[in-house]
Protein backbone atom coordinates (compact mmCIF):
# COMPACT_ATOMS: atom_id res chain seq x y z
CA MET A 1 -6.43 30.39 18.42
CA THR A 2 -3.96 32.42 20.25
CA ALA A 3 -0.27 33.00 19.20
CA GLU A 4 0.78 30.88 22.27
CA LEU A 5 -1.22 28.10 21.54
CA ILE A 6 -0.34 27.88 17.96
CA ARG A 7 3.56 28.39 18.88
CA ALA A 8 3.05 25.36 21.34
CA MET A 9 1.47 23.21 18.80
CA ALA A 10 4.39 24.08 16.45
CA GLU A 11 7.35 22.96 18.90
CA PRO A 12 8.28 19.44 18.64
CA CYS A 13 7.07 17.30 21.71
CA SER A 14 10.22 15.10 22.87
CA ARG A 15 7.82 13.10 25.10
CA CYS A 16 5.44 12.47 22.19
CA TYR A 17 8.26 11.00 19.93
CA VAL A 18 9.28 7.38 20.48
CA ARG A 19 12.57 6.57 18.78
CA PRO A 20 12.61 3.55 16.25
CA MET A 21 15.16 1.67 18.05
CA GLU A 22 13.22 1.86 21.39
CA THR A 23 10.24 0.62 19.60
CA PHE A 24 11.89 -2.03 17.97
CA LEU A 25 13.52 -3.21 21.31
CA SER A 26 10.45 -2.92 23.31
CA LYS A 27 7.63 -4.03 21.24
CA ILE A 28 9.40 -6.69 19.01
CA LEU A 29 12.67 -8.05 20.28
CA ILE A 30 11.67 -8.27 23.88
CA PRO A 31 8.39 -10.32 23.15
CA ILE A 32 10.35 -12.58 20.89
CA ALA A 33 13.16 -13.07 23.27
CA VAL A 34 10.71 -14.12 26.09
CA ALA A 35 8.67 -16.32 23.86
CA ALA A 36 11.74 -18.08 22.88
CA VAL A 37 12.54 -18.94 26.65
CA ALA A 38 8.87 -19.93 27.08
CA VAL A 39 8.91 -22.42 24.31
CA VAL A 40 12.18 -23.93 25.37
CA LEU A 41 11.01 -24.42 28.84
CA LEU A 42 7.59 -25.98 27.54
CA MET A 43 9.49 -28.21 25.49
CA GLY A 44 11.69 -29.30 28.30
CA LEU A 45 8.58 -29.73 30.41
CA ILE A 46 6.77 -31.81 27.85
CA ASN A 47 10.17 -33.98 27.41
CA MET A 48 10.13 -34.69 31.15
CA MET A 49 6.47 -35.44 31.31
CA ARG A 50 6.92 -38.04 28.66
CA GLY A 51 9.87 -39.45 30.07
CA GLY A 52 12.21 -38.59 27.45
CA SER A 53 15.86 -38.63 26.90
CA PRO A 54 17.81 -37.21 29.72
CA ASN A 55 20.31 -35.79 27.20
CA ARG A 56 17.62 -33.99 25.42
CA SER A 57 16.37 -32.60 28.85
CA GLN A 58 20.12 -31.34 29.46
CA LYS A 59 20.28 -29.63 25.96
CA LEU A 60 16.88 -28.10 26.48
CA MET A 61 18.04 -26.64 29.86
CA GLN A 62 21.11 -25.34 28.65
CA MET A 63 19.40 -23.61 25.58
CA ARG A 64 16.72 -22.12 28.08
CA VAL A 65 19.63 -20.70 30.08
CA LEU A 66 21.27 -19.13 27.03
CA PHE A 67 17.90 -17.66 25.98
CA GLN A 68 17.28 -16.18 29.46
CA PHE A 69 20.64 -14.60 29.26
CA VAL A 70 19.98 -13.18 25.82
CA ALA A 71 16.40 -11.93 27.09
CA ILE A 72 17.96 -10.24 30.10
CA VAL A 73 20.78 -8.39 27.74
CA ILE A 74 18.09 -7.26 25.60
CA THR A 75 16.19 -6.24 28.27
CA MET A 76 19.03 -4.19 29.87
CA LEU A 77 19.64 -2.60 26.37
CA THR A 78 16.34 -1.57 26.07
CA VAL A 79 16.52 0.14 29.57
CA TRP A 80 19.75 1.85 28.61
CA VAL A 81 18.45 3.17 25.41
CA MET A 82 15.16 4.34 26.72
CA GLY A 83 17.07 6.16 29.59
CA HIS A 84 19.25 7.90 27.10
CA GLY A 85 16.22 9.32 25.08
């Protein structure tokens, strides 16, 4: 092997390293937030299809909007963290 190749292999690769926070946010937290929104949405649809309580439908809609807000905040935080890498 040449000295240049050995030197290149020894230097840290900034693009190869993914920070733990980026991984946690993008691979774990975002899917959990999206899944929570989907579950609440499905619960609301099932409640409406069965002719359930309108109060329950209203509470599920409010919960869905809250979860969507949280999912958007987590997504924006992830974009910000990945941009500052």
